[in-house]
Amino acid sequence: MPYTSDKPPLPETPEQLRVRIPGWGVDLDPADRPAVPRERFDPGATGAHWEFPERQPEERPRERSIEHGTLPPVFGTTLPLRGVSGVVRRYAYRRFSEARAAHWLLLMAGDRIDVVESRVLAAVRGRPDDPVAETGVRSEVSHHGWSSRAGAGRADVVHQPMDPVIVAGPWVLGGLAAVVVARRLARRARRR
């Protein structure tokens, strides 16, 4: 019974639960619960003046979990799904429950695909990513990069040797892949 001010009914009465589950209800006495003053059901105290809020209009189809029949009254619309990443995300929502690892793994794969799509789209539009500026390599020289880390007791010092590999690794691998593909295409062109 989501989004209403009514307290949902119990599926079983306390007496039925006490018979079925040994020890059920041991904390029913307010003296046994330290959080009692905060545990009160008072819908009037929240200021909610509706039984069910007005729904936000769904202007374009939204992905939704298969566990829920409807969308919540308010939902985000800032970034509609697009491209191959959108297909992967829609499939994750249409096919798998949110309780399944496959759902979340597909959503993470959709995120990675979206990164690749965005980089390719930026390159096609003539505004490719600038890994030197975007990773802060220039600021290491101009803004005391080494002195801000050395001896400062920072927690991120431990993983700093891995950062160049994590940040530059995909670019290096992408460059090597481009070189390999270009060489193979050049060899095929020479054979013809």
N, C-alpha and C. Protein backbone atom coordinates (compact mmCIF):
# COMPACT_ATOMS: atom_id res chain seq x y z
N MET A 1 0.84 -1.17 0.00
CA MET A 1 0.00 0.00 0.00
C MET A 1 0.89 1.24 0.00
N PRO A 2 1.67 1.48 -1.07
CA PRO A 2 2.60 2.59 -1.10
C PRO A 2 1.90 3.93 -1.29
N TYR A 3 2.52 4.98 -0.81
CA TYR A 3 2.12 6.37 -1.04
C TYR A 3 0.76 6.73 -0.47
N THR A 4 0.35 6.10 0.60
CA THR A 4 -0.89 6.51 1.26
C THR A 4 -0.58 6.76 2.73
N SER A 5 -1.47 7.46 3.37
CA SER A 5 -1.25 7.76 4.79
C SER A 5 -1.79 6.67 5.70
N ASP A 6 -2.44 5.65 5.12
CA ASP A 6 -2.98 4.57 5.93
C ASP A 6 -1.89 3.59 6.34
N LYS A 7 -1.97 3.12 7.57
CA LYS A 7 -1.05 2.08 8.03
C LYS A 7 -1.53 0.76 7.44
N PRO A 8 -0.64 0.01 6.77
CA PRO A 8 -1.08 -1.24 6.16
C PRO A 8 -1.54 -2.24 7.21
N PRO A 9 -2.56 -3.03 6.90
CA PRO A 9 -3.04 -4.02 7.86
C PRO A 9 -2.04 -5.16 8.01
N LEU A 10 -2.00 -5.72 9.20
CA LEU A 10 -1.13 -6.86 9.44
C LEU A 10 -1.70 -8.10 8.75
N PRO A 11 -0.86 -8.91 8.14
CA PRO A 11 -1.38 -10.12 7.50
C PRO A 11 -1.90 -11.14 8.51
N GLU A 12 -1.34 -11.12 9.72
CA GLU A 12 -1.81 -12.02 10.78
C GLU A 12 -1.97 -11.21 12.06
N THR A 13 -2.86 -11.64 12.91
CA THR A 13 -3.05 -10.96 14.19
C THR A 13 -1.89 -11.29 15.12
N PRO A 14 -1.65 -10.44 16.12
CA PRO A 14 -0.58 -10.75 17.07
C PRO A 14 -0.76 -12.09 17.76
N GLU A 15 -1.99 -12.47 18.02
CA GLU A 15 -2.22 -13.77 18.68
C GLU A 15 -1.81 -14.91 17.76
N GLN A 16 -2.13 -14.81 16.47
CA GLN A 16 -1.75 -15.86 15.52
C GLN A 16 -0.23 -15.95 15.41
N LEU A 17 0.43 -14.81 15.39
CA LEU A 17 1.89 -14.81 15.30
C LEU A 17 2.52 -15.39 16.56
N ARG A 18 1.98 -15.07 17.73
CA ARG A 18 2.52 -15.56 18.98
C ARG A 18 2.43 -17.09 19.05
N VAL A 19 1.35 -17.66 18.50
CA VAL A 19 1.19 -19.11 18.50
C VAL A 19 2.16 -19.75 17.50
N ARG A 20 2.32 -19.13 16.35
CA ARG A 20 3.13 -19.71 15.27
C ARG A 20 4.64 -19.53 15.47
N ILE A 21 5.07 -18.40 16.03
CA ILE A 21 6.49 -18.08 16.17
C ILE A 21 6.85 -17.99 17.65
N PRO A 22 7.69 -18.90 18.15
CA PRO A 22 8.08 -18.84 19.56
C PRO A 22 8.84 -17.54 19.84
N GLY A 23 8.44 -16.81 20.87
CA GLY A 23 9.11 -15.58 21.26
C GLY A 23 8.61 -14.34 20.55
N TRP A 24 7.62 -14.49 19.68
CA TRP A 24 7.12 -13.32 18.97
C TRP A 24 6.43 -12.38 19.95
N GLY A 25 6.69 -11.10 19.81
CA GLY A 25 6.02 -10.10 20.63
C GLY A 25 6.70 -9.78 21.93
N VAL A 26 7.95 -10.23 22.12
CA VAL A 26 8.63 -9.95 23.39
C VAL A 26 8.89 -8.46 23.55
N ASP A 27 8.91 -7.71 22.47
CA ASP A 27 9.18 -6.28 22.57
C ASP A 27 7.91 -5.42 22.47
N LEU A 28 6.76 -6.02 22.67
CA LEU A 28 5.51 -5.27 22.60
C LEU A 28 5.36 -4.28 23.76
N ASP A 29 5.95 -4.59 24.89
CA ASP A 29 5.87 -3.68 26.02
C ASP A 29 6.77 -2.47 25.75
N PRO A 30 6.22 -1.26 25.73
CA PRO A 30 7.05 -0.08 25.43
C PRO A 30 8.23 0.09 26.37
N ALA A 31 8.15 -0.43 27.55
CA ALA A 31 9.28 -0.31 28.48
C ALA A 31 10.49 -1.10 28.00
N ASP A 32 10.28 -2.10 27.13
CA ASP A 32 11.39 -2.93 26.64
C ASP A 32 12.05 -2.34 25.39
N ARG A 33 11.51 -1.25 24.87
CA ARG A 33 12.05 -0.68 23.63
C ARG A 33 12.60 0.71 23.88
N PRO A 34 13.88 0.92 23.66
CA PRO A 34 14.47 2.24 23.92
C PRO A 34 14.01 3.31 22.92
N ALA A 35 13.50 2.94 21.77
CA ALA A 35 13.15 3.94 20.75
C ALA A 35 11.67 4.28 20.74
N VAL A 36 10.94 3.93 21.77
CA VAL A 36 9.48 4.11 21.79
C VAL A 36 9.03 5.54 21.51
N PRO A 37 9.61 6.57 22.09
CA PRO A 37 9.07 7.91 21.82
C PRO A 37 9.08 8.27 20.33
N ARG A 38 9.98 7.70 19.56
CA ARG A 38 10.04 8.01 18.14
C ARG A 38 9.18 7.08 17.31
N GLU A 39 8.67 6.01 17.89
CA GLU A 39 7.89 5.03 17.16
C GLU A 39 6.40 5.28 17.33
N ARG A 40 5.90 6.28 16.67
CA ARG A 40 4.47 6.50 16.75
C ARG A 40 3.94 6.78 15.35
N PHE A 41 2.78 6.28 15.06
CA PHE A 41 2.16 6.47 13.75
C PHE A 41 1.22 7.66 13.85
N ASP A 42 1.64 8.76 13.24
CA ASP A 42 0.85 9.98 13.28
C ASP A 42 0.90 10.65 11.90
N PRO A 43 0.02 10.24 10.99
CA PRO A 43 0.06 10.83 9.64
C PRO A 43 -0.16 12.33 9.64
N GLY A 44 -0.88 12.86 10.62
CA GLY A 44 -1.12 14.30 10.66
C GLY A 44 0.14 15.10 10.94
N ALA A 45 1.11 14.49 11.60
CA ALA A 45 2.35 15.20 11.94
C ALA A 45 3.25 15.41 10.73
N THR A 46 3.04 14.64 9.66
CA THR A 46 3.90 14.76 8.49
C THR A 46 3.53 15.91 7.59
N GLY A 47 2.31 16.41 7.71
CA GLY A 47 1.86 17.48 6.83
C GLY A 47 1.31 16.98 5.51
N ALA A 48 1.26 15.68 5.33
CA ALA A 48 0.72 15.12 4.08
C ALA A 48 -0.79 15.38 4.06
N HIS A 49 -1.25 15.96 2.98
CA HIS A 49 -2.67 16.30 2.88
C HIS A 49 -3.34 15.56 1.72
N TRP A 50 -2.80 14.43 1.36
CA TRP A 50 -3.33 13.68 0.24
C TRP A 50 -3.37 12.20 0.59
N GLU A 51 -4.26 11.49 -0.07
CA GLU A 51 -4.29 10.04 0.05
C GLU A 51 -3.32 9.43 -0.94
N PHE A 52 -3.32 9.94 -2.15
CA PHE A 52 -2.38 9.50 -3.18
C PHE A 52 -1.96 10.75 -3.95
N PRO A 53 -0.67 11.01 -4.07
CA PRO A 53 -0.25 12.26 -4.71
C PRO A 53 -0.58 12.29 -6.19
N GLU A 54 -0.64 13.50 -6.71
CA GLU A 54 -0.87 13.68 -8.14
C GLU A 54 0.31 13.11 -8.91
N ARG A 55 0.02 12.38 -9.97
CA ARG A 55 1.09 11.73 -10.74
C ARG A 55 1.75 12.68 -11.73
N GLN A 56 3.03 12.53 -11.86
CA GLN A 56 3.77 13.23 -12.91
C GLN A 56 3.40 12.58 -14.25
N PRO A 57 3.15 13.37 -15.29
CA PRO A 57 2.80 12.75 -16.57
C PRO A 57 3.99 11.99 -17.17
N GLU A 58 3.71 10.85 -17.74
CA GLU A 58 4.74 10.03 -18.39
C GLU A 58 4.72 10.36 -19.88
N GLU A 59 5.58 11.30 -20.30
CA GLU A 59 5.54 11.79 -21.68
C GLU A 59 6.16 10.82 -22.67
N ARG A 60 7.12 10.04 -22.24
CA ARG A 60 7.70 9.00 -23.09
C ARG A 60 7.85 7.76 -22.24
N PRO A 61 7.85 6.59 -22.85
CA PRO A 61 7.92 5.35 -22.06
C PRO A 61 9.16 5.32 -21.17
N ARG A 62 8.98 4.87 -19.95
CA ARG A 62 10.05 4.80 -18.97
C ARG A 62 10.35 3.34 -18.66
N GLU A 63 11.60 3.05 -18.35
CA GLU A 63 11.93 1.73 -17.88
C GLU A 63 11.41 1.60 -16.45
N ARG A 64 10.91 0.43 -16.12
CA ARG A 64 10.39 0.21 -14.78
C ARG A 64 10.65 -1.23 -14.38
N SER A 65 10.79 -1.42 -13.12
CA SER A 65 11.04 -2.75 -12.58
C SER A 65 9.84 -3.65 -12.82
N ILE A 66 10.09 -4.93 -13.06
CA ILE A 66 8.99 -5.86 -13.27
C ILE A 66 8.27 -6.17 -11.96
N GLU A 67 8.86 -5.77 -10.82
CA GLU A 67 8.22 -6.00 -9.54
C GLU A 67 7.13 -4.98 -9.22
N HIS A 68 7.16 -3.85 -9.90
CA HIS A 68 6.23 -2.77 -9.58
C HIS A 68 5.27 -2.55 -10.75
N GLY A 69 4.00 -2.42 -10.44
CA GLY A 69 3.01 -2.22 -11.49
C GLY A 69 3.03 -0.83 -12.08
N THR A 70 3.36 0.16 -11.25
CA THR A 70 3.34 1.54 -11.71
C THR A 70 4.62 2.24 -11.32
N LEU A 71 4.85 3.37 -11.96
CA LEU A 71 5.97 4.21 -11.58
C LEU A 71 5.60 4.97 -10.31
N PRO A 72 6.58 5.46 -9.56
CA PRO A 72 6.24 6.31 -8.43
C PRO A 72 5.62 7.61 -8.94
N PRO A 73 4.96 8.36 -8.08
CA PRO A 73 4.32 9.59 -8.53
C PRO A 73 5.28 10.58 -9.19
N VAL A 74 6.53 10.62 -8.75
CA VAL A 74 7.52 11.52 -9.33
C VAL A 74 8.73 10.70 -9.71
N PHE A 75 9.28 10.94 -10.90
CA PHE A 75 10.43 10.19 -11.36
C PHE A 75 11.30 11.09 -12.23
N GLY A 76 12.54 10.70 -12.41
CA GLY A 76 13.48 11.50 -13.18
C GLY A 76 13.27 11.34 -14.67
N THR A 77 13.50 12.44 -15.41
CA THR A 77 13.36 12.40 -16.87
C THR A 77 14.53 13.10 -17.55
N THR A 78 15.63 13.28 -16.85
CA THR A 78 16.70 14.10 -17.40
C THR A 78 17.45 13.44 -18.55
N LEU A 79 17.62 12.14 -18.53
CA LEU A 79 18.42 11.49 -19.55
C LEU A 79 17.67 10.30 -20.14
N PRO A 80 16.98 10.49 -21.25
CA PRO A 80 16.29 9.35 -21.86
C PRO A 80 17.30 8.34 -22.41
N LEU A 81 16.91 7.08 -22.43
CA LEU A 81 17.80 6.03 -22.92
C LEU A 81 18.00 6.19 -24.42
N ARG A 82 19.22 5.88 -24.88
CA ARG A 82 19.51 6.00 -26.31
C ARG A 82 20.57 4.99 -26.70
N GLY A 83 20.61 4.65 -27.95
CA GLY A 83 21.65 3.80 -28.51
C GLY A 83 21.64 2.37 -27.98
N VAL A 84 22.80 1.73 -28.15
CA VAL A 84 22.96 0.34 -27.71
C VAL A 84 22.85 0.24 -26.19
N SER A 85 23.38 1.24 -25.48
CA SER A 85 23.28 1.21 -24.02
C SER A 85 21.82 1.26 -23.58
N GLY A 86 20.98 1.99 -24.28
CA GLY A 86 19.57 2.04 -23.96
C GLY A 86 18.89 0.70 -24.18
N VAL A 87 19.29 0.01 -25.25
CA VAL A 87 18.72 -1.32 -25.52
C VAL A 87 19.10 -2.28 -24.40
N VAL A 88 20.34 -2.23 -23.95
CA VAL A 88 20.80 -3.12 -22.87
C VAL A 88 20.05 -2.81 -21.58
N ARG A 89 19.89 -1.53 -21.26
CA ARG A 89 19.18 -1.16 -20.03
C ARG A 89 17.71 -1.55 -20.08
N ARG A 90 17.07 -1.32 -21.23
CA ARG A 90 15.65 -1.72 -21.36
C ARG A 90 15.49 -3.22 -21.18
N TYR A 91 16.42 -3.98 -21.75
CA TYR A 91 16.38 -5.43 -21.62
C TYR A 91 16.52 -5.84 -20.15
N ALA A 92 17.42 -5.17 -19.42
CA ALA A 92 17.62 -5.49 -18.00
C ALA A 92 16.34 -5.25 -17.22
N TYR A 93 15.64 -4.16 -17.50
CA TYR A 93 14.40 -3.87 -16.78
C TYR A 93 13.26 -4.77 -17.23
N ARG A 94 13.20 -5.09 -18.50
CA ARG A 94 12.09 -5.89 -19.02
C ARG A 94 12.20 -7.36 -18.64
N ARG A 95 13.43 -7.87 -18.53
CA ARG A 95 13.64 -9.31 -18.39
C ARG A 95 13.92 -9.77 -16.96
N PHE A 96 14.65 -8.97 -16.17
CA PHE A 96 15.15 -9.46 -14.88
C PHE A 96 14.60 -8.64 -13.71
N SER A 97 14.36 -9.33 -12.63
CA SER A 97 13.95 -8.70 -11.37
C SER A 97 15.13 -7.92 -10.79
N GLU A 98 14.82 -6.92 -9.97
CA GLU A 98 15.88 -6.16 -9.32
C GLU A 98 16.63 -7.00 -8.29
N ALA A 99 16.09 -8.14 -7.93
CA ALA A 99 16.75 -9.02 -6.97
C ALA A 99 17.78 -9.92 -7.65
N ARG A 100 17.87 -9.89 -8.95
CA ARG A 100 18.80 -10.75 -9.68
C ARG A 100 20.07 -9.99 -10.02
N ALA A 101 21.19 -10.67 -9.92
CA ALA A 101 22.47 -10.05 -10.26
C ALA A 101 22.52 -9.68 -11.74
N ALA A 102 21.87 -10.46 -12.59
CA ALA A 102 21.88 -10.17 -14.02
C ALA A 102 21.32 -8.78 -14.32
N HIS A 103 20.30 -8.37 -13.57
CA HIS A 103 19.71 -7.03 -13.76
C HIS A 103 20.78 -5.96 -13.56
N TRP A 104 21.49 -6.05 -12.45
CA TRP A 104 22.46 -5.02 -12.12
C TRP A 104 23.70 -5.11 -13.00
N LEU A 105 24.11 -6.32 -13.36
CA LEU A 105 25.26 -6.46 -14.25
C LEU A 105 24.96 -5.88 -15.63
N LEU A 106 23.74 -6.09 -16.11
CA LEU A 106 23.36 -5.50 -17.40
C LEU A 106 23.31 -3.97 -17.30
N LEU A 107 22.83 -3.44 -16.19
CA LEU A 107 22.81 -1.98 -16.03
C LEU A 107 24.24 -1.42 -16.00
N MET A 108 25.15 -2.13 -15.33
CA MET A 108 26.55 -1.68 -15.33
C MET A 108 27.16 -1.79 -16.71
N ALA A 109 26.84 -2.86 -17.44
CA ALA A 109 27.33 -2.99 -18.82
C ALA A 109 26.77 -1.85 -19.67
N GLY A 110 25.50 -1.51 -19.47
CA GLY A 110 24.91 -0.38 -20.20
C GLY A 110 25.65 0.92 -19.91
N ASP A 111 26.08 1.12 -18.67
CA ASP A 111 26.85 2.32 -18.33
C ASP A 111 28.18 2.34 -19.08
N ARG A 112 28.86 1.20 -19.11
CA ARG A 112 30.16 1.15 -19.81
C ARG A 112 29.96 1.38 -21.31
N ILE A 113 28.91 0.80 -21.87
CA ILE A 113 28.63 1.00 -23.30
C ILE A 113 28.31 2.46 -23.56
N ASP A 114 27.60 3.11 -22.64
CA ASP A 114 27.25 4.51 -22.79
C ASP A 114 28.51 5.38 -22.80
N VAL A 115 29.50 5.03 -22.00
CA VAL A 115 30.76 5.78 -21.98
C VAL A 115 31.43 5.69 -23.36
N VAL A 116 31.48 4.49 -23.91
CA VAL A 116 32.09 4.32 -25.24
C VAL A 116 31.30 5.09 -26.29
N GLU A 117 29.97 4.96 -26.24
CA GLU A 117 29.13 5.69 -27.20
C GLU A 117 29.34 7.20 -27.10
N SER A 118 29.44 7.71 -25.89
CA SER A 118 29.63 9.15 -25.71
C SER A 118 30.98 9.60 -26.23
N ARG A 119 32.00 8.80 -26.00
CA ARG A 119 33.34 9.18 -26.51
C ARG A 119 33.38 9.15 -28.03
N VAL A 120 32.77 8.14 -28.62
CA VAL A 120 32.73 8.06 -30.09
C VAL A 120 31.93 9.22 -30.65
N LEU A 121 30.78 9.52 -30.05
CA LEU A 121 29.94 10.62 -30.50
C LEU A 121 30.68 11.95 -30.38
N ALA A 122 31.41 12.15 -29.28
CA ALA A 122 32.18 13.38 -29.11
C ALA A 122 33.27 13.49 -30.18
N ALA A 123 33.92 12.38 -30.50
CA ALA A 123 34.96 12.40 -31.54
C ALA A 123 34.36 12.69 -32.91
N VAL A 124 33.20 12.10 -33.21
CA VAL A 124 32.54 12.34 -34.49
C VAL A 124 32.11 13.80 -34.61
N ARG A 125 31.68 14.40 -33.54
CA ARG A 125 31.25 15.81 -33.56
C ARG A 125 32.43 16.78 -33.57
N GLY A 126 33.65 16.26 -33.49
CA GLY A 126 34.83 17.12 -33.54
C GLY A 126 35.27 17.66 -32.19
N ARG A 127 34.72 17.13 -31.10
CA ARG A 127 35.13 17.55 -29.76
C ARG A 127 35.55 16.32 -28.96
N PRO A 128 36.65 15.68 -29.34
CA PRO A 128 37.04 14.46 -28.62
C PRO A 128 37.49 14.79 -27.19
N ASP A 129 37.48 13.77 -26.36
CA ASP A 129 37.91 13.94 -24.97
C ASP A 129 39.39 14.32 -24.95
N ASP A 130 39.77 15.09 -23.95
CA ASP A 130 41.16 15.47 -23.74
C ASP A 130 41.62 14.82 -22.45
N PRO A 131 42.20 13.62 -22.54
CA PRO A 131 42.55 12.89 -21.31
C PRO A 131 43.58 13.62 -20.46
N VAL A 132 44.45 14.41 -21.05
CA VAL A 132 45.46 15.12 -20.27
C VAL A 132 44.80 16.17 -19.38
N ALA A 133 43.91 16.96 -19.95
CA ALA A 133 43.25 18.01 -19.16
C ALA A 133 42.21 17.42 -18.21
N GLU A 134 41.46 16.42 -18.66
CA GLU A 134 40.37 15.88 -17.86
C GLU A 134 40.83 15.03 -16.69
N THR A 135 42.03 14.49 -16.76
CA THR A 135 42.52 13.67 -15.65
C THR A 135 43.35 14.48 -14.66
N GLY A 136 43.60 15.75 -14.94
CA GLY A 136 44.33 16.59 -14.01
C GLY A 136 45.83 16.47 -14.07
N VAL A 137 46.35 15.95 -15.18
CA VAL A 137 47.80 15.79 -15.30
C VAL A 137 48.48 17.15 -15.32
N ARG A 138 47.90 18.13 -16.00
CA ARG A 138 48.50 19.48 -16.05
C ARG A 138 48.55 20.11 -14.66
N SER A 139 47.50 19.90 -13.87
CA SER A 139 47.47 20.52 -12.54
C SER A 139 48.51 19.90 -11.61
N GLU A 140 48.97 18.71 -11.91
CA GLU A 140 50.03 18.11 -11.09
C GLU A 140 51.29 18.97 -11.14
N VAL A 141 51.53 19.58 -12.29
CA VAL A 141 52.73 20.41 -12.46
C VAL A 141 52.47 21.83 -11.98
N SER A 142 51.31 22.38 -12.33
CA SER A 142 51.06 23.79 -12.07
C SER A 142 50.49 24.09 -10.68
N HIS A 143 49.94 23.11 -9.98
CA HIS A 143 49.30 23.39 -8.70
C HIS A 143 49.83 22.52 -7.56
N HIS A 144 51.11 22.30 -7.54
CA HIS A 144 51.78 21.60 -6.45
C HIS A 144 51.19 20.22 -6.20
N GLY A 145 51.07 19.43 -7.24
CA GLY A 145 50.46 18.11 -7.14
C GLY A 145 51.18 17.18 -6.18
N TRP A 146 52.51 17.09 -6.31
CA TRP A 146 53.26 16.17 -5.47
C TRP A 146 53.29 16.63 -4.02
N SER A 147 53.50 17.90 -3.79
CA SER A 147 53.61 18.37 -2.41
C SER A 147 52.28 18.29 -1.67
N SER A 148 51.17 18.29 -2.40
CA SER A 148 49.88 18.17 -1.71
C SER A 148 49.61 16.75 -1.24
N ARG A 149 50.35 15.79 -1.78
CA ARG A 149 50.16 14.40 -1.38
C ARG A 149 51.25 13.88 -0.45
N ALA A 150 52.46 14.26 -0.68
CA ALA A 150 53.58 13.71 0.08
C ALA A 150 53.51 14.16 1.53
N GLY A 151 53.44 13.21 2.44
CA GLY A 151 53.47 13.50 3.86
C GLY A 151 52.22 14.15 4.41
N ALA A 152 51.14 14.18 3.65
CA ALA A 152 49.93 14.85 4.11
C ALA A 152 49.00 13.92 4.87
N GLY A 153 49.32 12.64 4.95
CA GLY A 153 48.48 11.68 5.66
C GLY A 153 47.17 11.39 4.95
N ARG A 154 47.17 11.53 3.65
CA ARG A 154 45.93 11.30 2.90
C ARG A 154 45.68 9.82 2.71
N ALA A 155 44.41 9.42 2.71
CA ALA A 155 44.05 8.02 2.57
C ALA A 155 44.22 7.51 1.14
N ASP A 156 44.17 8.41 0.16
CA ASP A 156 44.24 7.96 -1.23
C ASP A 156 45.67 7.77 -1.73
N VAL A 157 46.68 7.98 -0.88
CA VAL A 157 48.06 7.81 -1.30
C VAL A 157 48.36 6.36 -1.65
N VAL A 158 47.68 5.42 -1.01
CA VAL A 158 47.96 4.00 -1.22
C VAL A 158 47.67 3.58 -2.65
N HIS A 159 46.57 4.06 -3.21
CA HIS A 159 46.20 3.60 -4.56
C HIS A 159 46.75 4.50 -5.66
N GLN A 160 47.50 5.54 -5.34
CA GLN A 160 47.98 6.46 -6.38
C GLN A 160 48.89 5.80 -7.42
N PRO A 161 49.70 4.82 -7.08
CA PRO A 161 50.48 4.17 -8.15
C PRO A 161 49.59 3.47 -9.19
N MET A 162 48.38 3.07 -8.79
CA MET A 162 47.47 2.41 -9.74
C MET A 162 46.71 3.39 -10.61
N ASP A 163 46.58 4.64 -10.17
CA ASP A 163 45.77 5.61 -10.90
C ASP A 163 46.19 5.80 -12.35
N PRO A 164 47.47 5.96 -12.66
CA PRO A 164 47.82 6.11 -14.08
C PRO A 164 47.41 4.91 -14.93
N VAL A 165 47.50 3.72 -14.36
CA VAL A 165 47.11 2.52 -15.10
C VAL A 165 45.61 2.50 -15.33
N ILE A 166 44.85 2.84 -14.30
CA ILE A 166 43.39 2.82 -14.40
C ILE A 166 42.89 3.91 -15.34
N VAL A 167 43.48 5.10 -15.26
CA VAL A 167 43.02 6.22 -16.07
C VAL A 167 43.56 6.13 -17.49
N ALA A 168 44.85 5.88 -17.63
CA ALA A 168 45.45 5.88 -18.97
C ALA A 168 45.35 4.53 -19.66
N GLY A 169 45.14 3.46 -18.88
CA GLY A 169 45.09 2.12 -19.47
C GLY A 169 44.11 1.97 -20.61
N PRO A 170 42.85 2.37 -20.45
CA PRO A 170 41.92 2.25 -21.57
C PRO A 170 42.33 3.05 -22.80
N TRP A 171 42.92 4.22 -22.58
CA TRP A 171 43.38 5.02 -23.73
C TRP A 171 44.53 4.33 -24.45
N VAL A 172 45.46 3.78 -23.70
CA VAL A 172 46.59 3.08 -24.31
C VAL A 172 46.10 1.84 -25.05
N LEU A 173 45.23 1.06 -24.42
CA LEU A 173 44.70 -0.13 -25.08
C LEU A 173 43.90 0.24 -26.33
N GLY A 174 43.12 1.31 -26.24
CA GLY A 174 42.37 1.77 -27.42
C GLY A 174 43.30 2.20 -28.54
N GLY A 175 44.38 2.90 -28.19
CA GLY A 175 45.36 3.32 -29.19
C GLY A 175 46.05 2.13 -29.83
N LEU A 176 46.42 1.14 -29.01
CA LEU A 176 47.06 -0.07 -29.55
C LEU A 176 46.09 -0.83 -30.46
N ALA A 177 44.84 -0.92 -30.06
CA ALA A 177 43.85 -1.59 -30.90
C ALA A 177 43.69 -0.86 -32.23
N ALA A 178 43.68 0.47 -32.20
CA ALA A 178 43.57 1.24 -33.44
C ALA A 178 44.77 1.00 -34.35
N VAL A 179 45.97 0.92 -33.76
CA VAL A 179 47.18 0.66 -34.56
C VAL A 179 47.12 -0.73 -35.19
N VAL A 180 46.70 -1.73 -34.41
CA VAL A 180 46.60 -3.10 -34.93
C VAL A 180 45.60 -3.16 -36.08
N VAL A 181 44.44 -2.53 -35.90
CA VAL A 181 43.43 -2.53 -36.96
C VAL A 181 43.94 -1.80 -38.19
N ALA A 182 44.61 -0.67 -38.00
CA ALA A 182 45.14 0.09 -39.14
C ALA A 182 46.19 -0.73 -39.90
N ARG A 183 47.06 -1.43 -39.20
CA ARG A 183 48.08 -2.26 -39.86
C ARG A 183 47.45 -3.39 -40.66
N ARG A 184 46.42 -4.04 -40.08
CA ARG A 184 45.76 -5.12 -40.80
C ARG A 184 45.06 -4.61 -42.05
N LEU A 185 44.43 -3.47 -41.93
CA LEU A 185 43.77 -2.88 -43.11
C LEU A 185 44.80 -2.49 -44.17
N ALA A 186 45.96 -1.98 -43.72
CA ALA A 186 47.01 -1.61 -44.68
C ALA A 186 47.57 -2.84 -45.37
N ARG A 187 47.75 -3.94 -44.64
CA ARG A 187 48.25 -5.18 -45.26
C ARG A 187 47.26 -5.71 -46.28
N ARG A 188 45.99 -5.68 -45.95
CA ARG A 188 44.97 -6.15 -46.89
C ARG A 188 44.93 -5.29 -48.14
N ALA A 189 45.12 -3.99 -47.96
CA ALA A 189 45.11 -3.08 -49.11
C ALA A 189 46.31 -3.34 -50.01
N ARG A 190 47.47 -3.68 -49.43
CA ARG A 190 48.69 -3.96 -50.24
C ARG A 190 48.56 -5.26 -51.01
N ARG A 191 47.88 -6.24 -50.42
CA ARG A 191 47.74 -7.55 -51.10
C ARG A 191 46.85 -7.46 -52.33
N ARG A 192 45.95 -6.53 -52.34
CA ARG A 192 45.02 -6.41 -53.48
C ARG A 192 45.62 -5.70 -54.60
